[in-house]
Amino acid sequence: MAVNYGSKRTVVGAHYGLRDWLVQRVTAGLMAVFTLLVFMQVIFTKGPVGYDQWAGVFSAQWMKVLTFAVIVAVAWHAWVGMRDIWMDYVQPVWIRLLLQILTIIWLVGCAGWAVQVLWRL
């Protein structure tokens, strides 16, 4: 029979590990590339940037798809960060659950608003 020396560590909670670390890095990279792309398009636009030029940046279908992907990435990035904060610093489970639910509602609302604004351009 095997003998277990020391304590057995049970990993539970906010799912710490490679997946969350990787999500944070990939979404941050996608947001950085998108920011540089939009910045370059604005920089190389001739004349002052008004509504027509700004709407023109987002008028192409590939840009709308990329912008939607970035909106999802921002929401996912924020969710992983906020979930980790709630898991680390809020001890009563019912308060933590309430804060997580409110965070999800807030992030879905913000993402829905951003998509609605995007499709109006």
PDB file of N, CA and C in Angstrom:
ATOM      1  N   MET A   1       0.828  -1.161   0.000  1.00  0.00           N
ATOM      2  CA  MET A   1       0.000   0.000   0.000  1.00  0.00           C
ATOM      3  C   MET A   1       0.890   1.248   0.000  1.00  0.00           C
ATOM      4  N   ALA A   2       0.505   2.259  -0.785  1.00  0.00           N
ATOM      5  CA  ALA A   2       1.296   3.481  -0.898  1.00  0.00           C
ATOM      6  C   ALA A   2       1.078   4.360   0.323  1.00  0.00           C
ATOM      7  N   VAL A   3       2.141   4.993   0.745  1.00  0.00           N
ATOM      8  CA  VAL A   3       2.081   5.903   1.875  1.00  0.00           C
ATOM      9  C   VAL A   3       2.228   7.327   1.341  1.00  0.00           C
ATOM     10  N   ASN A   4       1.326   8.189   1.747  1.00  0.00           N
ATOM     11  CA  ASN A   4       1.354   9.580   1.310  1.00  0.00           C
ATOM     12  C   ASN A   4       1.994  10.411   2.408  1.00  0.00           C
ATOM     13  N   TYR A   5       3.169  10.969   2.120  1.00  0.00           N
ATOM     14  CA  TYR A   5       3.843  11.828   3.076  1.00  0.00           C
ATOM     15  C   TYR A   5       3.517  13.277   2.751  1.00  0.00           C
ATOM     16  N   GLY A   6       3.169  14.073   3.737  1.00  0.00           N
ATOM     17  CA  GLY A   6       2.830  15.471   3.523  1.00  0.00           C
ATOM     18  C   GLY A   6       1.347  15.636   3.247  1.00  0.00           C
ATOM     19  N   SER A   7       0.970  16.841   2.959  1.00  0.00           N
ATOM     20  CA  SER A   7      -0.440  17.106   2.717  1.00  0.00           C
ATOM     21  C   SER A   7      -0.755  16.997   1.233  1.00  0.00           C
ATOM     22  N   LYS A   8      -1.957  16.578   0.959  1.00  0.00           N
ATOM     23  CA  LYS A   8      -2.415  16.498  -0.422  1.00  0.00           C
ATOM     24  C   LYS A   8      -3.068  17.831  -0.765  1.00  0.00           C
ATOM     25  N   ARG A   9      -2.559  18.479  -1.781  1.00  0.00           N
ATOM     26  CA  ARG A   9      -3.061  19.792  -2.169  1.00  0.00           C
ATOM     27  C   ARG A   9      -4.189  19.624  -3.171  1.00  0.00           C
ATOM     28  N   THR A  10      -5.336  20.203  -2.852  1.00  0.00           N
ATOM     29  CA  THR A  10      -6.467  20.195  -3.759  1.00  0.00           C
ATOM     30  C   THR A  10      -6.541  21.566  -4.416  1.00  0.00           C
ATOM     31  N   VAL A  11      -6.440  21.595  -5.739  1.00  0.00           N
ATOM     32  CA  VAL A  11      -6.484  22.861  -6.470  1.00  0.00           C
ATOM     33  C   VAL A  11      -7.936  23.126  -6.860  1.00  0.00           C
ATOM     34  N   VAL A  12      -8.503  24.144  -6.261  1.00  0.00           N
ATOM     35  CA  VAL A  12      -9.873  24.558  -6.562  1.00  0.00           C
ATOM     36  C   VAL A  12      -9.914  26.067  -6.627  1.00  0.00           C
ATOM     37  N   GLY A  13     -11.046  26.595  -6.973  1.00  0.00           N
ATOM     38  CA  GLY A  13     -11.201  28.035  -6.922  1.00  0.00           C
ATOM     39  C   GLY A  13     -11.232  28.647  -8.302  1.00  0.00           C
ATOM     40  N   ALA A  14     -10.353  29.609  -8.525  1.00  0.00           N
ATOM     41  CA  ALA A  14     -10.386  30.414  -9.743  1.00  0.00           C
ATOM     42  C   ALA A  14      -9.694  29.734 -10.921  1.00  0.00           C
ATOM     43  N   HIS A  15      -9.414  28.468 -10.847  1.00  0.00           N
ATOM     44  CA  HIS A  15      -8.776  27.716 -11.938  1.00  0.00           C
ATOM     45  C   HIS A  15      -7.441  28.335 -12.311  1.00  0.00           C
ATOM     46  N   TYR A  16      -6.615  28.576 -11.333  1.00  0.00           N
ATOM     47  CA  TYR A  16      -5.309  29.162 -11.601  1.00  0.00           C
ATOM     48  C   TYR A  16      -4.518  28.220 -12.478  1.00  0.00           C
ATOM     49  N   GLY A  17      -3.775  28.776 -13.374  1.00  0.00           N
ATOM     50  CA  GLY A  17      -2.929  27.927 -14.181  1.00  0.00           C
ATOM     51  C   GLY A  17      -2.672  28.482 -15.557  1.00  0.00           C
ATOM     52  N   LEU A  18      -2.225  27.578 -16.393  1.00  0.00           N
ATOM     53  CA  LEU A  18      -1.791  27.940 -17.732  1.00  0.00           C
ATOM     54  C   LEU A  18      -2.912  28.536 -18.572  1.00  0.00           C
ATOM     55  N   ARG A  19      -4.124  27.991 -18.466  1.00  0.00           N
ATOM     56  CA  ARG A  19      -5.221  28.475 -19.299  1.00  0.00           C
ATOM     57  C   ARG A  19      -5.518  29.952 -19.060  1.00  0.00           C
ATOM     58  N   ASP A  20      -5.644  30.359 -17.803  1.00  0.00           N
ATOM     59  CA  ASP A  20      -5.927  31.760 -17.495  1.00  0.00           C
ATOM     60  C   ASP A  20      -4.763  32.658 -17.888  1.00  0.00           C
ATOM     61  N   TRP A  21      -3.547  32.198 -17.644  1.00  0.00           N
ATOM     62  CA  TRP A  21      -2.358  32.958 -18.027  1.00  0.00           C
ATOM     63  C   TRP A  21      -2.332  33.153 -19.541  1.00  0.00           C
ATOM     64  N   LEU A  22      -2.620  32.077 -20.267  1.00  0.00           N
ATOM     65  CA  LEU A  22      -2.600  32.141 -21.722  1.00  0.00           C
ATOM     66  C   LEU A  22      -3.720  33.034 -22.259  1.00  0.00           C
ATOM     67  N   VAL A  23      -4.913  32.961 -21.679  1.00  0.00           N
ATOM     68  CA  VAL A  23      -6.025  33.816 -22.101  1.00  0.00           C
ATOM     69  C   VAL A  23      -5.643  35.282 -21.923  1.00  0.00           C
ATOM     70  N   GLN A  24      -5.054  35.628 -20.787  1.00  0.00           N
ATOM     71  CA  GLN A  24      -4.660  37.015 -20.541  1.00  0.00           C
ATOM     72  C   GLN A  24      -3.651  37.482 -21.585  1.00  0.00           C
ATOM     73  N   ARG A  25      -2.677  36.640 -21.927  1.00  0.00           N
ATOM     74  CA  ARG A  25      -1.633  37.044 -22.879  1.00  0.00           C
ATOM     75  C   ARG A  25      -2.166  37.118 -24.306  1.00  0.00           C
ATOM     76  N   VAL A  26      -2.986  36.158 -24.711  1.00  0.00           N
ATOM     77  CA  VAL A  26      -3.508  36.146 -26.079  1.00  0.00           C
ATOM     78  C   VAL A  26      -4.466  37.316 -26.295  1.00  0.00           C
ATOM     79  N   THR A  27      -5.366  37.548 -25.356  1.00  0.00           N
ATOM     80  CA  THR A  27      -6.307  38.668 -25.514  1.00  0.00           C
ATOM     81  C   THR A  27      -5.575  40.002 -25.474  1.00  0.00           C
ATOM     82  N   ALA A  28      -4.562  40.124 -24.626  1.00  0.00           N
ATOM     83  CA  ALA A  28      -3.780  41.365 -24.581  1.00  0.00           C
ATOM     84  C   ALA A  28      -3.043  41.574 -25.902  1.00  0.00           C
ATOM     85  N   GLY A  29      -2.506  40.513 -26.468  1.00  0.00           N
ATOM     86  CA  GLY A  29      -1.827  40.613 -27.762  1.00  0.00           C
ATOM     87  C   GLY A  29      -2.778  41.032 -28.868  1.00  0.00           C
ATOM     88  N   LEU A  30      -3.981  40.443 -28.888  1.00  0.00           N
ATOM     89  CA  LEU A  30      -4.978  40.802 -29.891  1.00  0.00           C
ATOM     90  C   LEU A  30      -5.384  42.270 -29.750  1.00  0.00           C
ATOM     91  N   MET A  31      -5.578  42.731 -28.525  1.00  0.00           N
ATOM     92  CA  MET A  31      -5.932  44.134 -28.308  1.00  0.00           C
ATOM     93  C   MET A  31      -4.801  45.065 -28.738  1.00  0.00           C
ATOM     94  N   ALA A  32      -3.553  44.671 -28.496  1.00  0.00           N
ATOM     95  CA  ALA A  32      -2.415  45.497 -28.889  1.00  0.00           C
ATOM     96  C   ALA A  32      -2.312  45.588 -30.415  1.00  0.00           C
ATOM     97  N   VAL A  33      -2.478  44.470 -31.107  1.00  0.00           N
ATOM     98  CA  VAL A  33      -2.424  44.473 -32.570  1.00  0.00           C
ATOM     99  C   VAL A  33      -3.552  45.332 -33.138  1.00  0.00           C
ATOM    100  N   PHE A  34      -4.748  45.198 -32.601  1.00  0.00           N
ATOM    101  CA  PHE A  34      -5.889  45.992 -33.056  1.00  0.00           C
ATOM    102  C   PHE A  34      -5.632  47.482 -32.844  1.00  0.00           C
ATOM    103  N   THR A  35      -5.110  47.843 -31.672  1.00  0.00           N
ATOM    104  CA  THR A  35      -4.816  49.244 -31.378  1.00  0.00           C
ATOM    105  C   THR A  35      -3.806  49.806 -32.363  1.00  0.00           C
ATOM    106  N   LEU A  36      -2.745  49.053 -32.637  1.00  0.00           N
ATOM    107  CA  LEU A  36      -1.749  49.506 -33.605  1.00  0.00           C
ATOM    108  C   LEU A  36      -2.348  49.638 -35.005  1.00  0.00           C
ATOM    109  N   LEU A  37      -3.201  48.707 -35.393  1.00  0.00           N
ATOM    110  CA  LEU A  37      -3.831  48.745 -36.707  1.00  0.00           C
ATOM    111  C   LEU A  37      -4.711  49.990 -36.862  1.00  0.00           C
ATOM    112  N   VAL A  38      -5.533  50.267 -35.865  1.00  0.00           N
ATOM    113  CA  VAL A  38      -6.397  51.449 -35.919  1.00  0.00           C
ATOM    114  C   VAL A  38      -5.543  52.719 -35.885  1.00  0.00           C
ATOM    115  N   PHE A  39      -4.528  52.731 -35.050  1.00  0.00           N
ATOM    116  CA  PHE A  39      -3.637  53.879 -34.964  1.00  0.00           C
ATOM    117  C   PHE A  39      -2.961  54.150 -36.307  1.00  0.00           C
ATOM    118  N   MET A  40      -2.491  53.114 -36.961  1.00  0.00           N
ATOM    119  CA  MET A  40      -1.842  53.282 -38.261  1.00  0.00           C
ATOM    120  C   MET A  40      -2.829  53.795 -39.312  1.00  0.00           C
ATOM    121  N   GLN A  41      -4.054  53.299 -39.293  1.00  0.00           N
ATOM    122  CA  GLN A  41      -5.043  53.767 -40.257  1.00  0.00           C
ATOM    123  C   GLN A  41      -5.372  55.245 -40.034  1.00  0.00           C
ATOM    124  N   VAL A  42      -5.427  55.665 -38.786  1.00  0.00           N
ATOM    125  CA  VAL A  42      -5.721  57.060 -38.489  1.00  0.00           C
ATOM    126  C   VAL A  42      -4.525  57.941 -38.858  1.00  0.00           C
ATOM    127  N   ILE A  43      -3.324  57.475 -38.576  1.00  0.00           N
ATOM    128  CA  ILE A  43      -2.116  58.250 -38.873  1.00  0.00           C
ATOM    129  C   ILE A  43      -1.967  58.479 -40.377  1.00  0.00           C
ATOM    130  N   PHE A  44      -2.231  57.456 -41.175  1.00  0.00           N
ATOM    131  CA  PHE A  44      -2.027  57.566 -42.614  1.00  0.00           C
ATOM    132  C   PHE A  44      -3.241  58.118 -43.360  1.00  0.00           C
ATOM    133  N   THR A  45      -4.249  58.585 -42.644  1.00  0.00           N
ATOM    134  CA  THR A  45      -5.389  59.237 -43.271  1.00  0.00           C
ATOM    135  C   THR A  45      -5.017  60.689 -43.547  1.00  0.00           C
ATOM    136  N   LYS A  46      -5.253  61.132 -44.749  1.00  0.00           N
ATOM    137  CA  LYS A  46      -4.903  62.510 -45.117  1.00  0.00           C
ATOM    138  C   LYS A  46      -5.955  63.469 -44.557  1.00  0.00           C
ATOM    139  N   GLY A  47      -5.490  64.570 -44.024  1.00  0.00           N
ATOM    140  CA  GLY A  47      -6.384  65.595 -43.523  1.00  0.00           C
ATOM    141  C   GLY A  47      -6.867  65.289 -42.114  1.00  0.00           C
ATOM    142  N   PRO A  48      -7.713  66.172 -41.610  1.00  0.00           N
ATOM    143  CA  PRO A  48      -8.241  65.958 -40.248  1.00  0.00           C
ATOM    144  C   PRO A  48      -9.181  64.750 -40.218  1.00  0.00           C
ATOM    145  N   VAL A  49      -9.148  64.056 -39.107  1.00  0.00           N
ATOM    146  CA  VAL A  49      -9.984  62.867 -38.961  1.00  0.00           C
ATOM    147  C   VAL A  49     -11.342  63.297 -38.425  1.00  0.00           C
ATOM    148  N   GLY A  50     -12.357  63.177 -39.275  1.00  0.00           N
ATOM    149  CA  GLY A  50     -13.725  63.491 -38.883  1.00  0.00           C
ATOM    150  C   GLY A  50     -14.540  62.206 -38.830  1.00  0.00           C
ATOM    151  N   TYR A  51     -15.832  62.383 -38.733  1.00  0.00           N
ATOM    152  CA  TYR A  51     -16.710  61.215 -38.635  1.00  0.00           C
ATOM    153  C   TYR A  51     -16.618  60.340 -39.876  1.00  0.00           C
ATOM    154  N   ASP A  52     -16.549  60.951 -41.052  1.00  0.00           N
ATOM    155  CA  ASP A  52     -16.511  60.167 -42.292  1.00  0.00           C
ATOM    156  C   ASP A  52     -15.271  59.280 -42.354  1.00  0.00           C
ATOM    157  N   GLN A  53     -14.112  59.840 -42.003  1.00  0.00           N
ATOM    158  CA  GLN A  53     -12.894  59.033 -42.011  1.00  0.00           C
ATOM    159  C   GLN A  53     -12.931  57.958 -40.932  1.00  0.00           C
ATOM    160  N   TRP A  54     -13.434  58.330 -39.763  1.00  0.00           N
ATOM    161  CA  TRP A  54     -13.497  57.370 -38.657  1.00  0.00           C
ATOM    162  C   TRP A  54     -14.454  56.218 -38.996  1.00  0.00           C
ATOM    163  N   ALA A  55     -15.599  56.544 -39.569  1.00  0.00           N
ATOM    164  CA  ALA A  55     -16.547  55.506 -39.985  1.00  0.00           C
ATOM    165  C   ALA A  55     -15.955  54.679 -41.119  1.00  0.00           C
ATOM    166  N   GLY A  56     -15.142  55.314 -41.981  1.00  0.00           N
ATOM    167  CA  GLY A  56     -14.504  54.589 -43.071  1.00  0.00           C
ATOM    168  C   GLY A  56     -13.525  53.536 -42.579  1.00  0.00           C
ATOM    169  N   VAL A  57     -12.870  53.816 -41.464  1.00  0.00           N
ATOM    170  CA  VAL A  57     -11.939  52.833 -40.887  1.00  0.00           C
ATOM    171  C   VAL A  57     -12.687  51.550 -40.530  1.00  0.00           C
ATOM    172  N   PHE A  58     -13.892  51.673 -40.024  1.00  0.00           N
ATOM    173  CA  PHE A  58     -14.656  50.519 -39.563  1.00  0.00           C
ATOM    174  C   PHE A  58     -15.698  50.039 -40.570  1.00  0.00           C
ATOM    175  N   SER A  59     -15.684  50.564 -41.791  1.00  0.00           N
ATOM    176  CA  SER A  59     -16.719  50.188 -42.753  1.00  0.00           C
ATOM    177  C   SER A  59     -16.472  48.839 -43.419  1.00  0.00           C
ATOM    178  N   ALA A  60     -15.219  48.430 -43.529  1.00  0.00           N
ATOM    179  CA  ALA A  60     -14.921  47.143 -44.171  1.00  0.00           C
ATOM    180  C   ALA A  60     -15.394  45.988 -43.289  1.00  0.00           C
ATOM    181  N   GLN A  61     -15.875  44.930 -43.920  1.00  0.00           N
ATOM    182  CA  GLN A  61     -16.399  43.783 -43.168  1.00  0.00           C
ATOM    183  C   GLN A  61     -15.314  43.125 -42.314  1.00  0.00           C
ATOM    184  N   TRP A  62     -14.083  43.016 -42.843  1.00  0.00           N
ATOM    185  CA  TRP A  62     -13.003  42.394 -42.066  1.00  0.00           C
ATOM    186  C   TRP A  62     -12.701  43.201 -40.813  1.00  0.00           C
ATOM    187  N   MET A  63     -12.839  44.529 -40.886  1.00  0.00           N
ATOM    188  CA  MET A  63     -12.589  45.363 -39.718  1.00  0.00           C
ATOM    189  C   MET A  63     -13.704  45.210 -38.691  1.00  0.00           C
ATOM    190  N   LYS A  64     -14.934  45.042 -39.161  1.00  0.00           N
ATOM    191  CA  LYS A  64     -16.041  44.812 -38.230  1.00  0.00           C
ATOM    192  C   LYS A  64     -15.871  43.476 -37.511  1.00  0.00           C
ATOM    193  N   VAL A  65     -15.442  42.462 -38.238  1.00  0.00           N
ATOM    194  CA  VAL A  65     -15.218  41.147 -37.623  1.00  0.00           C
ATOM    195  C   VAL A  65     -14.071  41.232 -36.620  1.00  0.00           C
ATOM    196  N   LEU A  66     -12.980  41.902 -37.005  1.00  0.00           N
ATOM    197  CA  LEU A  66     -11.849  42.059 -36.090  1.00  0.00           C
ATOM    198  C   LEU A  66     -12.253  42.864 -34.852  1.00  0.00           C
ATOM    199  N   THR A  67     -13.039  43.903 -35.041  1.00  0.00           N
ATOM    200  CA  THR A  67     -13.496  44.716 -33.909  1.00  0.00           C
ATOM    201  C   THR A  67     -14.386  43.894 -32.982  1.00  0.00           C
ATOM    202  N   PHE A  68     -15.256  43.072 -33.558  1.00  0.00           N
ATOM    203  CA  PHE A  68     -16.089  42.192 -32.730  1.00  0.00           C
ATOM    204  C   PHE A  68     -15.223  41.224 -31.932  1.00  0.00           C
ATOM    205  N   ALA A  69     -14.200  40.671 -32.582  1.00  0.00           N
ATOM    206  CA  ALA A  69     -13.290  39.758 -31.877  1.00  0.00           C
ATOM    207  C   ALA A  69     -12.569  40.477 -30.739  1.00  0.00           C
ATOM    208  N   VAL A  70     -12.211  41.721 -30.953  1.00  0.00           N
ATOM    209  CA  VAL A  70     -11.539  42.486 -29.903  1.00  0.00           C
ATOM    210  C   VAL A  70     -12.501  42.811 -28.763  1.00  0.00           C
ATOM    211  N   ILE A  71     -13.759  43.093 -29.085  1.00  0.00           N
ATOM    212  CA  ILE A  71     -14.755  43.336 -28.025  1.00  0.00           C
ATOM    213  C   ILE A  71     -14.903  42.092 -27.152  1.00  0.00           C
ATOM    214  N   VAL A  72     -14.984  40.932 -27.777  1.00  0.00           N
ATOM    215  CA  VAL A  72     -15.058  39.673 -27.019  1.00  0.00           C
ATOM    216  C   VAL A  72     -13.779  39.470 -26.205  1.00  0.00           C
ATOM    217  N   ALA A  73     -12.618  39.780 -26.808  1.00  0.00           N
ATOM    218  CA  ALA A  73     -11.344  39.618 -26.110  1.00  0.00           C
ATOM    219  C   ALA A  73     -11.256  40.532 -24.891  1.00  0.00           C
ATOM    220  N   VAL A  74     -11.728  41.769 -25.022  1.00  0.00           N
ATOM    221  CA  VAL A  74     -11.703  42.697 -23.888  1.00  0.00           C
ATOM    222  C   VAL A  74     -12.588  42.178 -22.756  1.00  0.00           C
ATOM    223  N   ALA A  75     -13.774  41.693 -23.110  1.00  0.00           N
ATOM    224  CA  ALA A  75     -14.683  41.170 -22.082  1.00  0.00           C
ATOM    225  C   ALA A  75     -14.084  39.938 -21.403  1.00  0.00           C
ATOM    226  N   TRP A  76     -13.490  39.052 -22.178  1.00  0.00           N
ATOM    227  CA  TRP A  76     -12.890  37.838 -21.609  1.00  0.00           C
ATOM    228  C   TRP A  76     -11.687  38.203 -20.739  1.00  0.00           C
ATOM    229  N   HIS A  77     -10.863  39.119 -21.210  1.00  0.00           N
ATOM    230  CA  HIS A  77      -9.694  39.574 -20.466  1.00  0.00           C
ATOM    231  C   HIS A  77     -10.125  40.171 -19.122  1.00  0.00           C
ATOM    232  N   ALA A  78     -11.143  41.021 -19.182  1.00  0.00           N
ATOM    233  CA  ALA A  78     -11.645  41.650 -17.956  1.00  0.00           C
ATOM    234  C   ALA A  78     -12.256  40.617 -17.015  1.00  0.00           C
ATOM    235  N   TRP A  79     -12.967  39.634 -17.567  1.00  0.00           N
ATOM    236  CA  TRP A  79     -13.587  38.614 -16.730  1.00  0.00           C
ATOM    237  C   TRP A  79     -12.535  37.807 -15.974  1.00  0.00           C
ATOM    238  N   VAL A  80     -11.487  37.377 -16.664  1.00  0.00           N
ATOM    239  CA  VAL A  80     -10.447  36.584 -15.996  1.00  0.00           C
ATOM    240  C   VAL A  80      -9.803  37.407 -14.885  1.00  0.00           C
ATOM    241  N   GLY A  81      -9.502  38.657 -15.160  1.00  0.00           N
ATOM    242  CA  GLY A  81      -8.885  39.502 -14.142  1.00  0.00           C
ATOM    243  C   GLY A  81      -9.788  39.756 -12.957  1.00  0.00           C
ATOM    244  N   MET A  82     -11.035  40.116 -13.217  1.00  0.00           N
ATOM    245  CA  MET A  82     -11.961  40.407 -12.116  1.00  0.00           C
ATOM    246  C   MET A  82     -12.296  39.148 -11.313  1.00  0.00           C
ATOM    247  N   ARG A  83     -12.463  38.034 -12.015  1.00  0.00           N
ATOM    248  CA  ARG A  83     -12.749  36.789 -11.302  1.00  0.00           C
ATOM    249  C   ARG A  83     -11.607  36.437 -10.352  1.00  0.00           C
ATOM    250  N   ASP A  84     -10.384  36.623 -10.798  1.00  0.00           N
ATOM    251  CA  ASP A  84      -9.245  36.339  -9.935  1.00  0.00           C
ATOM    252  C   ASP A  84      -9.203  37.285  -8.737  1.00  0.00           C
ATOM    253  N   ILE A  85      -9.541  38.550  -8.960  1.00  0.00           N
ATOM    254  CA  ILE A  85      -9.584  39.507  -7.842  1.00  0.00           C
ATOM    255  C   ILE A  85     -10.649  39.092  -6.836  1.00  0.00           C
ATOM    256  N   TRP A  86     -11.850  38.761  -7.318  1.00  0.00           N
ATOM    257  CA  TRP A  86     -12.918  38.352  -6.396  1.00  0.00           C
ATOM    258  C   TRP A  86     -12.525  37.076  -5.654  1.00  0.00           C
ATOM    259  N   MET A  87     -11.909  36.121  -6.355  1.00  0.00           N
ATOM    260  CA  MET A  87     -11.522  34.857  -5.709  1.00  0.00           C
ATOM    261  C   MET A  87     -10.424  35.072  -4.666  1.00  0.00           C
ATOM    262  N   ASP A  88      -9.525  36.018  -4.920  1.00  0.00           N
ATOM    263  CA  ASP A  88      -8.401  36.225  -4.006  1.00  0.00           C
ATOM    264  C   ASP A  88      -8.771  37.066  -2.787  1.00  0.00           C
ATOM    265  N   TYR A  89      -9.642  38.059  -2.955  1.00  0.00           N
ATOM    266  CA  TYR A  89      -9.818  39.045  -1.900  1.00  0.00           C
ATOM    267  C   TYR A  89     -11.186  39.066  -1.239  1.00  0.00           C
ATOM    268  N   VAL A  90     -12.168  38.348  -1.771  1.00  0.00           N
ATOM    269  CA  VAL A  90     -13.498  38.337  -1.153  1.00  0.00           C
ATOM    270  C   VAL A  90     -13.729  36.943  -0.572  1.00  0.00           C
ATOM    271  N   GLN A  91     -13.789  36.853   0.740  1.00  0.00           N
ATOM    272  CA  GLN A  91     -13.880  35.558   1.394  1.00  0.00           C
ATOM    273  C   GLN A  91     -15.303  35.002   1.523  1.00  0.00           C
ATOM    274  N   PRO A  92     -16.298  35.790   1.916  1.00  0.00           N
ATOM    275  CA  PRO A  92     -17.645  35.200   2.016  1.00  0.00           C
ATOM    276  C   PRO A  92     -18.134  34.769   0.629  1.00  0.00           C
ATOM    277  N   VAL A  93     -18.516  33.522   0.524  1.00  0.00           N
ATOM    278  CA  VAL A  93     -18.868  32.947  -0.774  1.00  0.00           C
ATOM    279  C   VAL A  93     -20.054  33.665  -1.399  1.00  0.00           C
ATOM    280  N   TRP A  94     -21.054  34.025  -0.625  1.00  0.00           N
ATOM    281  CA  TRP A  94     -22.245  34.647  -1.205  1.00  0.00           C
ATOM    282  C   TRP A  94     -21.931  36.039  -1.761  1.00  0.00           C
ATOM    283  N   ILE A  95     -21.026  36.785  -1.113  1.00  0.00           N
ATOM    284  CA  ILE A  95     -20.633  38.089  -1.642  1.00  0.00           C
ATOM    285  C   ILE A  95     -19.813  37.905  -2.918  1.00  0.00           C
ATOM    286  N   ARG A  96     -18.905  36.920  -2.902  1.00  0.00           N
ATOM    287  CA  ARG A  96     -18.097  36.638  -4.086  1.00  0.00           C
ATOM    288  C   ARG A  96     -18.978  36.251  -5.264  1.00  0.00           C
ATOM    289  N   LEU A  97     -19.954  35.399  -5.030  1.00  0.00           N
ATOM    290  CA  LEU A  97     -20.865  34.979  -6.093  1.00  0.00           C
ATOM    291  C   LEU A  97     -21.673  36.166  -6.618  1.00  0.00           C
ATOM    292  N   LEU A  98     -22.148  37.004  -5.720  1.00  0.00           N
ATOM    293  CA  LEU A  98     -22.899  38.191  -6.128  1.00  0.00           C
ATOM    294  C   LEU A  98     -22.027  39.115  -6.984  1.00  0.00           C
ATOM    295  N   LEU A  99     -20.806  39.342  -6.562  1.00  0.00           N
ATOM    296  CA  LEU A  99     -19.896  40.194  -7.325  1.00  0.00           C
ATOM    297  C   LEU A  99     -19.578  39.592  -8.694  1.00  0.00           C
ATOM    298  N   GLN A 100     -19.416  38.282  -8.757  1.00  0.00           N
ATOM    299  CA  GLN A 100     -19.146  37.631 -10.042  1.00  0.00           C
ATOM    300  C   GLN A 100     -20.350  37.750 -10.974  1.00  0.00           C
ATOM    301  N   ILE A 101     -21.544  37.577 -10.446  1.00  0.00           N
ATOM    302  CA  ILE A 101     -22.754  37.717 -11.260  1.00  0.00           C
ATOM    303  C   ILE A 101     -22.891  39.146 -11.762  1.00  0.00           C
ATOM    304  N   LEU A 102     -22.674  40.120 -10.894  1.00  0.00           N
ATOM    305  CA  LEU A 102     -22.749  41.521 -11.308  1.00  0.00           C
ATOM    306  C   LEU A 102     -21.678  41.852 -12.346  1.00  0.00           C
ATOM    307  N   THR A 103     -20.497  41.267 -12.201  1.00  0.00           N
ATOM    308  CA  THR A 103     -19.429  41.477 -13.180  1.00  0.00           C
ATOM    309  C   THR A 103     -19.821  40.916 -14.540  1.00  0.00           C
ATOM    310  N   ILE A 104     -20.397  39.731 -14.561  1.00  0.00           N
ATOM    311  CA  ILE A 104     -20.832  39.130 -15.824  1.00  0.00           C
ATOM    312  C   ILE A 104     -21.904  39.995 -16.483  1.00  0.00           C
ATOM    313  N   ILE A 105     -22.886  40.437 -15.696  1.00  0.00           N
ATOM    314  CA  ILE A 105     -23.954  41.283 -16.244  1.00  0.00           C
ATOM    315  C   ILE A 105     -23.362  42.566 -16.817  1.00  0.00           C
ATOM    316  N   TRP A 106     -22.435  43.183 -16.085  1.00  0.00           N
ATOM    317  CA  TRP A 106     -21.813  44.420 -16.538  1.00  0.00           C
ATOM    318  C   TRP A 106     -21.030  44.197 -17.833  1.00  0.00           C
ATOM    319  N   LEU A 107     -20.231  43.133 -17.892  1.00  0.00           N
ATOM    320  CA  LEU A 107     -19.413  42.878 -19.078  1.00  0.00           C
ATOM    321  C   LEU A 107     -20.265  42.540 -20.294  1.00  0.00           C
ATOM    322  N   VAL A 108     -21.318  41.761 -20.114  1.00  0.00           N
ATOM    323  CA  VAL A 108     -22.210  41.436 -21.237  1.00  0.00           C
ATOM    324  C   VAL A 108     -22.913  42.702 -21.717  1.00  0.00           C
ATOM    325  N   GLY A 109     -23.339  43.547 -20.786  1.00  0.00           N
ATOM    326  CA  GLY A 109     -23.980  44.806 -21.163  1.00  0.00           C
ATOM    327  C   GLY A 109     -23.036  45.720 -21.927  1.00  0.00           C
ATOM    328  N   CYS A 110     -21.803  45.842 -21.459  1.00  0.00           N
ATOM    329  CA  CYS A 110     -20.819  46.684 -22.150  1.00  0.00           C
ATOM    330  C   CYS A 110     -20.502  46.132 -23.535  1.00  0.00           C
ATOM    331  N   ALA A 111     -20.335  44.814 -23.639  1.00  0.00           N
ATOM    332  CA  ALA A 111     -20.039  44.205 -24.939  1.00  0.00           C
ATOM    333  C   ALA A 111     -21.223  44.376 -25.887  1.00  0.00           C
ATOM    334  N   GLY A 112     -22.447  44.213 -25.398  1.00  0.00           N
ATOM    335  CA  GLY A 112     -23.629  44.405 -26.229  1.00  0.00           C
ATOM    336  C   GLY A 112     -23.746  45.829 -26.723  1.00  0.00           C
ATOM    337  N   TRP A 113     -23.459  46.789 -25.842  1.00  0.00           N
ATOM    338  CA  TRP A 113     -23.497  48.189 -26.242  1.00  0.00           C
ATOM    339  C   TRP A 113     -22.434  48.478 -27.309  1.00  0.00           C
ATOM    340  N   ALA A 114     -21.222  47.938 -27.122  1.00  0.00           N
ATOM    341  CA  ALA A 114     -20.141  48.177 -28.077  1.00  0.00           C
ATOM    342  C   ALA A 114     -20.462  47.581 -29.443  1.00  0.00           C
ATOM    343  N   VAL A 115     -21.050  46.402 -29.464  1.00  0.00           N
ATOM    344  CA  VAL A 115     -21.432  45.787 -30.742  1.00  0.00           C
ATOM    345  C   VAL A 115     -22.518  46.606 -31.409  1.00  0.00           C
ATOM    346  N   GLN A 116     -23.469  47.092 -30.642  1.00  0.00           N
ATOM    347  CA  GLN A 116     -24.539  47.916 -31.198  1.00  0.00           C
ATOM    348  C   GLN A 116     -23.967  49.188 -31.825  1.00  0.00           C
ATOM    349  N   VAL A 117     -23.024  49.824 -31.162  1.00  0.00           N
ATOM    350  CA  VAL A 117     -22.373  51.025 -31.695  1.00  0.00           C
ATOM    351  C   VAL A 117     -21.593  50.674 -32.958  1.00  0.00           C
ATOM    352  N   LEU A 118     -20.910  49.539 -32.941  1.00  0.00           N
ATOM    353  CA  LEU A 118     -20.113  49.109 -34.106  1.00  0.00           C
ATOM    354  C   LEU A 118     -20.988  48.942 -35.345  1.00  0.00           C
ATOM    355  N   TRP A 119     -22.140  48.322 -35.209  1.00  0.00           N
ATOM    356  CA  TRP A 119     -22.970  48.062 -36.382  1.00  0.00           C
ATOM    357  C   TRP A 119     -23.680  49.312 -36.875  1.00  0.00           C
ATOM    358  N   ARG A 120     -23.698  50.396 -36.072  1.00  0.00           N
ATOM    359  CA  ARG A 120     -24.265  51.651 -36.546  1.00  0.00           C
ATOM    360  C   ARG A 120     -23.315  52.405 -37.467  1.00  0.00           C
ATOM    361  N   LEU A 121     -22.020  52.163 -37.334  1.00  0.00           N
ATOM    362  CA  LEU A 121     -21.037  52.891 -38.162  1.00  0.00           C
ATOM    363  C   LEU A 121     -21.164  52.526 -39.611  1.00  0.00           C
TER     364      LEU A 121
END
